[in-house]
Amino acid sequence: MLAHYKNSKVSMNDFEPIYLNLFEVILTPPASITSALGNPATVLLEQVKKVSGLEVDKNPGVVEQHFKTQKRRFAGAKPETSTIDIVIDFEVNISDANSMYVYDILRRWSNLVWDPQTATGSIKSKYRGSGVFVMHNRDGDIFKKVEVAKVWPMSAIPAIDLDYASTEIYVMSLTFAGELINDVWN
């Protein structure tokens, strides 16, 4: 056996790489949307294309002191934030009933935070949902799970840009605020 193969733990143990396309998202909107639309969590799961912003590993950063012309640096006392901003891209389809159902679910959810038609919003207990983000291997074994107990749309519903020269599918990107995060590694 060749030394460059024999000296590699990955080669000798058949360790698998992490594939960035092996993940699942369970995004559960508030109960008022769930009761009106059945099970939007399943519908949203099917349309998720990309997720970013799951920066759950926080570091307290650096603080500095100065003495004359010298600088001293120390680890900070606490992380700047314990929240995350999750960006999710959804592909949008249209149903037989001529409904952009993913857009409609996210629009209703956003309207609970702030409805531009009525210039009203609701309280957090009514607009927050939850989210679970799972990474797994090719056999489906979960090795990382991020549970976000409180999540809601924090960015406005983006405008739909139309283009006669485009042949692309409409992708809706929305930023969600996340709180009370549980990061589980196996």
C-alpha atoms as a PDB file:
ATOM      1  CA  MET A   1       0.000   0.000   0.000  1.00  0.00           C
ATOM      2  CA  LEU A   2       1.340   3.416  -0.920  1.00  0.00           C
ATOM      3  CA  ALA A   3       2.487   5.685   1.924  1.00  0.00           C
ATOM      4  CA  HIS A   4       0.379   8.672   0.837  1.00  0.00           C
ATOM      5  CA  TYR A   5      -2.708   6.443   1.016  1.00  0.00           C
ATOM      6  CA  LYS A   6      -1.736   4.517   4.161  1.00  0.00           C
ATOM      7  CA  ASN A   7      -0.914   7.732   6.082  1.00  0.00           C
ATOM      8  CA  SER A   8      -4.281   9.324   5.343  1.00  0.00           C
ATOM      9  CA  LYS A   9      -6.958   8.798   8.007  1.00  0.00           C
ATOM     10  CA  VAL A  10      -9.622   9.737   5.463  1.00  0.00           C
ATOM     11  CA  SER A  11      -8.438   7.072   3.010  1.00  0.00           C
ATOM     12  CA  MET A  12      -7.871   4.338   5.570  1.00  0.00           C
ATOM     13  CA  ASN A  13     -11.182   4.890   7.387  1.00  0.00           C
ATOM     14  CA  ASP A  14     -13.364   5.684   4.352  1.00  0.00           C
ATOM     15  CA  PHE A  15     -14.451   8.998   5.884  1.00  0.00           C
ATOM     16  CA  GLU A  16     -17.084  10.680   3.729  1.00  0.00           C
ATOM     17  CA  PRO A  17     -16.918  14.341   2.747  1.00  0.00           C
ATOM     18  CA  ILE A  18     -19.635  16.770   3.790  1.00  0.00           C
ATOM     19  CA  TYR A  19     -21.903  17.432   0.824  1.00  0.00           C
ATOM     20  CA  LEU A  20     -23.490  20.880   0.960  1.00  0.00           C
ATOM     21  CA  ASN A  21     -26.632  19.698  -0.824  1.00  0.00           C
ATOM     22  CA  LEU A  22     -27.576  17.108   1.807  1.00  0.00           C
ATOM     23  CA  PHE A  23     -29.766  19.134   4.151  1.00  0.00           C
ATOM     24  CA  GLU A  24     -33.373  19.614   5.138  1.00  0.00           C
ATOM     25  CA  VAL A  25     -35.247  22.645   6.379  1.00  0.00           C
ATOM     26  CA  ILE A  26     -38.409  22.525   8.440  1.00  0.00           C
ATOM     27  CA  LEU A  27     -39.728  26.065   8.661  1.00  0.00           C
ATOM     28  CA  THR A  28     -42.948  26.237  10.648  1.00  0.00           C
ATOM     29  CA  PRO A  29     -44.934  29.479  10.328  1.00  0.00           C
ATOM     30  CA  PRO A  30     -47.203  30.691  13.146  1.00  0.00           C
ATOM     31  CA  ALA A  31     -50.393  28.819  13.939  1.00  0.00           C
ATOM     32  CA  SER A  32     -52.650  31.382  12.230  1.00  0.00           C
ATOM     33  CA  ILE A  33     -50.981  30.664   8.882  1.00  0.00           C
ATOM     34  CA  THR A  34     -50.861  26.919   9.492  1.00  0.00           C
ATOM     35  CA  SER A  35     -54.600  26.781  10.206  1.00  0.00           C
ATOM     36  CA  ALA A  36     -55.422  28.841   7.115  1.00  0.00           C
ATOM     37  CA  LEU A  37     -53.222  26.893   4.672  1.00  0.00           C
ATOM     38  CA  GLY A  38     -52.987  23.342   5.997  1.00  0.00           C
ATOM     39  CA  ASN A  39     -49.327  22.370   6.410  1.00  0.00           C
ATOM     40  CA  PRO A  40     -47.136  25.129   4.929  1.00  0.00           C
ATOM     41  CA  ALA A  41     -44.021  23.654   6.606  1.00  0.00           C
ATOM     42  CA  THR A  42     -44.071  20.781   4.089  1.00  0.00           C
ATOM     43  CA  VAL A  43     -44.736  23.105   1.163  1.00  0.00           C
ATOM     44  CA  LEU A  44     -41.879  25.408   2.159  1.00  0.00           C
ATOM     45  CA  LEU A  45     -39.512  22.438   2.649  1.00  0.00           C
ATOM     46  CA  GLU A  46     -40.080  21.344  -0.955  1.00  0.00           C
ATOM     47  CA  GLN A  47     -39.224  24.772  -2.342  1.00  0.00           C
ATOM     48  CA  VAL A  48     -36.047  25.597  -0.372  1.00  0.00           C
ATOM     49  CA  LYS A  49     -33.111  26.004  -2.713  1.00  0.00           C
ATOM     50  CA  LYS A  50     -30.401  27.506  -0.513  1.00  0.00           C
ATOM     51  CA  VAL A  51     -29.794  28.469   3.128  1.00  0.00           C
ATOM     52  CA  SER A  52     -27.129  30.777   4.523  1.00  0.00           C
ATOM     53  CA  GLY A  53     -26.533  32.616   7.782  1.00  0.00           C
ATOM     54  CA  LEU A  54     -26.489  29.718  10.223  1.00  0.00           C
ATOM     55  CA  GLU A  55     -23.570  31.265  12.111  1.00  0.00           C
ATOM     56  CA  VAL A  56     -24.282  29.744  15.498  1.00  0.00           C
ATOM     57  CA  ASP A  57     -20.659  29.574  16.693  1.00  0.00           C
ATOM     58  CA  LYS A  58     -20.218  32.946  18.351  1.00  0.00           C
ATOM     59  CA  ASN A  59     -16.946  34.374  19.617  1.00  0.00           C
ATOM     60  CA  PRO A  60     -16.571  37.276  22.047  1.00  0.00           C
ATOM     61  CA  GLY A  61     -14.144  39.052  19.762  1.00  0.00           C
ATOM     62  CA  VAL A  62     -11.332  41.287  20.992  1.00  0.00           C
ATOM     63  CA  VAL A  63     -11.123  44.266  23.331  1.00  0.00           C
ATOM     64  CA  GLU A  64      -8.090  46.539  23.419  1.00  0.00           C
ATOM     65  CA  GLN A  65      -6.254  48.542  26.049  1.00  0.00           C
ATOM     66  CA  HIS A  66      -3.650  51.193  25.376  1.00  0.00           C
ATOM     67  CA  PHE A  67      -0.623  52.088  27.435  1.00  0.00           C
ATOM     68  CA  LYS A  68       1.256  55.014  25.940  1.00  0.00           C
ATOM     69  CA  THR A  69       2.147  53.807  22.442  1.00  0.00           C
ATOM     70  CA  GLN A  70       1.498  50.104  23.076  1.00  0.00           C
ATOM     71  CA  LYS A  71      -1.671  48.162  22.530  1.00  0.00           C
ATOM     72  CA  ARG A  72      -2.816  45.130  24.531  1.00  0.00           C
ATOM     73  CA  ARG A  73      -5.520  42.789  23.330  1.00  0.00           C
ATOM     74  CA  PHE A  74      -7.801  40.448  25.272  1.00  0.00           C
ATOM     75  CA  ALA A  75     -10.691  38.158  24.521  1.00  0.00           C
ATOM     76  CA  GLY A  76     -13.957  40.039  24.956  1.00  0.00           C
ATOM     77  CA  ALA A  77     -16.349  39.367  27.819  1.00  0.00           C
ATOM     78  CA  LYS A  78     -19.261  38.227  25.672  1.00  0.00           C
ATOM     79  CA  PRO A  79     -20.269  37.723  22.042  1.00  0.00           C
ATOM     80  CA  GLU A  80     -21.784  40.764  20.344  1.00  0.00           C
ATOM     81  CA  THR A  81     -24.991  38.899  19.586  1.00  0.00           C
ATOM     82  CA  SER A  82     -26.749  35.613  20.300  1.00  0.00           C
ATOM     83  CA  THR A  83     -29.091  35.913  17.328  1.00  0.00           C
ATOM     84  CA  ILE A  84     -28.749  34.901  13.699  1.00  0.00           C
ATOM     85  CA  ASP A  85     -30.027  36.215  10.374  1.00  0.00           C
ATOM     86  CA  ILE A  86     -30.980  33.302   8.138  1.00  0.00           C
ATOM     87  CA  VAL A  87     -31.287  33.870   4.401  1.00  0.00           C
ATOM     88  CA  ILE A  88     -33.401  31.293   2.578  1.00  0.00           C
ATOM     89  CA  ASP A  89     -33.911  31.109  -1.182  1.00  0.00           C
ATOM     90  CA  PHE A  90     -37.202  29.567  -2.292  1.00  0.00           C
ATOM     91  CA  GLU A  91     -38.105  28.514  -5.819  1.00  0.00           C
ATOM     92  CA  VAL A  92     -41.642  29.649  -6.533  1.00  0.00           C
ATOM     93  CA  ASN A  93     -44.131  27.538  -8.474  1.00  0.00           C
ATOM     94  CA  ILE A  94     -47.705  28.237  -9.463  1.00  0.00           C
ATOM     95  CA  SER A  95     -50.516  25.800  -8.605  1.00  0.00           C
ATOM     96  CA  ASP A  96     -53.485  24.604 -10.684  1.00  0.00           C
ATOM     97  CA  ALA A  97     -55.516  27.248  -8.825  1.00  0.00           C
ATOM     98  CA  ASN A  98     -53.197  29.916 -10.293  1.00  0.00           C
ATOM     99  CA  SER A  99     -51.635  30.603  -6.874  1.00  0.00           C
ATOM    100  CA  MET A 100     -47.976  31.356  -6.157  1.00  0.00           C
ATOM    101  CA  TYR A 101     -48.460  29.348  -2.967  1.00  0.00           C
ATOM    102  CA  VAL A 102     -44.912  29.728  -1.519  1.00  0.00           C
ATOM    103  CA  TYR A 103     -45.032  33.469  -2.156  1.00  0.00           C
ATOM    104  CA  ASP A 104     -48.509  33.547  -0.595  1.00  0.00           C
ATOM    105  CA  ILE A 105     -47.392  31.701   2.569  1.00  0.00           C
ATOM    106  CA  LEU A 106     -44.391  33.983   3.046  1.00  0.00           C
ATOM    107  CA  ARG A 107     -46.459  37.085   2.254  1.00  0.00           C
ATOM    108  CA  ARG A 108     -49.049  36.143   4.901  1.00  0.00           C
ATOM    109  CA  TRP A 109     -46.268  35.505   7.407  1.00  0.00           C
ATOM    110  CA  SER A 110     -44.609  38.825   6.621  1.00  0.00           C
ATOM    111  CA  ASN A 111     -47.963  40.587   6.935  1.00  0.00           C
ATOM    112  CA  LEU A 112     -48.179  39.360  10.531  1.00  0.00           C
ATOM    113  CA  VAL A 113     -44.952  41.249  11.244  1.00  0.00           C
ATOM    114  CA  TRP A 114     -46.011  44.328   9.257  1.00  0.00           C
ATOM    115  CA  ASP A 115     -48.889  44.606   6.806  1.00  0.00           C
ATOM    116  CA  PRO A 116     -48.184  47.428   4.338  1.00  0.00           C
ATOM    117  CA  GLN A 117     -51.832  47.482   3.187  1.00  0.00           C
ATOM    118  CA  THR A 118     -53.211  48.275   6.636  1.00  0.00           C
ATOM    119  CA  ALA A 119     -50.060  49.772   8.222  1.00  0.00           C
ATOM    120  CA  THR A 120     -50.415  47.424  11.197  1.00  0.00           C
ATOM    121  CA  GLY A 121     -48.362  44.704  12.799  1.00  0.00           C
ATOM    122  CA  SER A 122     -48.947  42.136  15.484  1.00  0.00           C
ATOM    123  CA  ILE A 123     -47.108  41.039  18.609  1.00  0.00           C
ATOM    124  CA  LYS A 124     -44.188  38.626  18.573  1.00  0.00           C
ATOM    125  CA  SER A 125     -46.165  35.692  19.976  1.00  0.00           C
ATOM    126  CA  LYS A 126     -48.395  35.892  16.876  1.00  0.00           C
ATOM    127  CA  TYR A 127     -45.736  36.362  14.166  1.00  0.00           C
ATOM    128  CA  ARG A 128     -42.963  34.047  15.293  1.00  0.00           C
ATOM    129  CA  GLY A 129     -42.583  30.532  14.006  1.00  0.00           C
ATOM    130  CA  SER A 130     -39.780  27.993  14.360  1.00  0.00           C
ATOM    131  CA  GLY A 131     -37.140  26.399  12.192  1.00  0.00           C
ATOM    132  CA  VAL A 132     -35.002  23.280  12.135  1.00  0.00           C
ATOM    133  CA  PHE A 133     -31.997  22.987   9.820  1.00  0.00           C
ATOM    134  CA  VAL A 134     -30.492  19.506   9.485  1.00  0.00           C
ATOM    135  CA  MET A 135     -27.330  18.348   7.725  1.00  0.00           C
ATOM    136  CA  HIS A 136     -26.993  14.633   7.019  1.00  0.00           C
ATOM    137  CA  ASN A 137     -24.768  12.176   5.197  1.00  0.00           C
ATOM    138  CA  ARG A 138     -25.694  10.153   2.122  1.00  0.00           C
ATOM    139  CA  ASP A 139     -27.289   7.465   4.315  1.00  0.00           C
ATOM    140  CA  GLY A 140     -29.505  10.084   5.976  1.00  0.00           C
ATOM    141  CA  ASP A 141     -27.647  10.030   9.302  1.00  0.00           C
ATOM    142  CA  ILE A 142     -27.878  13.478  10.918  1.00  0.00           C
ATOM    143  CA  PHE A 143     -24.556  14.958  12.025  1.00  0.00           C
ATOM    144  CA  LYS A 144     -25.596  18.589  12.623  1.00  0.00           C
ATOM    145  CA  LYS A 145     -28.917  20.089  13.626  1.00  0.00           C
ATOM    146  CA  VAL A 146     -29.687  23.743  14.279  1.00  0.00           C
ATOM    147  CA  GLU A 147     -32.979  24.358  16.049  1.00  0.00           C
ATOM    148  CA  VAL A 148     -34.242  27.928  16.048  1.00  0.00           C
ATOM    149  CA  ALA A 149     -37.135  28.223  18.474  1.00  0.00           C
ATOM    150  CA  LYS A 150     -38.182  31.700  17.353  1.00  0.00           C
ATOM    151  CA  VAL A 151     -37.973  32.739  13.706  1.00  0.00           C
ATOM    152  CA  TRP A 152     -39.818  35.311  11.585  1.00  0.00           C
ATOM    153  CA  PRO A 153     -39.361  37.208   8.308  1.00  0.00           C
ATOM    154  CA  MET A 154     -37.332  40.341   8.977  1.00  0.00           C
ATOM    155  CA  SER A 155     -36.843  41.575   5.434  1.00  0.00           C
ATOM    156  CA  ALA A 156     -39.527  42.868   3.123  1.00  0.00           C
ATOM    157  CA  ILE A 157     -40.951  40.595   0.449  1.00  0.00           C
ATOM    158  CA  PRO A 158     -38.660  41.292  -2.512  1.00  0.00           C
ATOM    159  CA  ALA A 159     -40.008  42.726  -5.724  1.00  0.00           C
ATOM    160  CA  ILE A 160     -40.272  40.393  -8.695  1.00  0.00           C
ATOM    161  CA  ASP A 161     -37.858  41.570 -11.381  1.00  0.00           C
ATOM    162  CA  LEU A 162     -39.179  40.794 -14.850  1.00  0.00           C
ATOM    163  CA  ASP A 163     -36.897  40.318 -17.857  1.00  0.00           C
ATOM    164  CA  TYR A 164     -37.907  39.351 -21.418  1.00  0.00           C
ATOM    165  CA  ALA A 165     -34.450  37.879 -22.037  1.00  0.00           C
ATOM    166  CA  SER A 166     -34.479  35.640 -18.943  1.00  0.00           C
ATOM    167  CA  THR A 167     -35.306  31.924 -18.922  1.00  0.00           C
ATOM    168  CA  GLU A 168     -34.655  31.457 -15.212  1.00  0.00           C
ATOM    169  CA  ILE A 169     -37.105  30.240 -12.567  1.00  0.00           C
ATOM    170  CA  TYR A 170     -38.254  32.846 -10.056  1.00  0.00           C
ATOM    171  CA  VAL A 171     -36.310  32.502  -6.805  1.00  0.00           C
ATOM    172  CA  MET A 172     -37.532  34.428  -3.779  1.00  0.00           C
ATOM    173  CA  SER A 173     -34.865  35.265  -1.205  1.00  0.00           C
ATOM    174  CA  LEU A 174     -36.013  36.202   2.277  1.00  0.00           C
ATOM    175  CA  THR A 175     -34.095  36.983   5.475  1.00  0.00           C
ATOM    176  CA  PHE A 176     -35.426  35.574   8.736  1.00  0.00           C
ATOM    177  CA  ALA A 177     -34.548  36.693  12.271  1.00  0.00           C
ATOM    178  CA  GLY A 178     -33.645  33.834  14.589  1.00  0.00           C
ATOM    179  CA  GLU A 179     -33.518  33.575  18.389  1.00  0.00           C
ATOM    180  CA  LEU A 180     -33.111  30.854  21.016  1.00  0.00           C
ATOM    181  CA  ILE A 181     -30.752  28.702  19.034  1.00  0.00           C
ATOM    182  CA  ASN A 182     -29.823  25.128  19.886  1.00  0.00           C
ATOM    183  CA  ASP A 183     -26.871  23.769  17.910  1.00  0.00           C
ATOM    184  CA  VAL A 184     -26.580  19.971  18.121  1.00  0.00           C
ATOM    185  CA  TRP A 185     -23.602  18.017  16.794  1.00  0.00           C
ATOM    186  CA  ASN A 186     -23.431  14.235  16.770  1.00  0.00           C
END
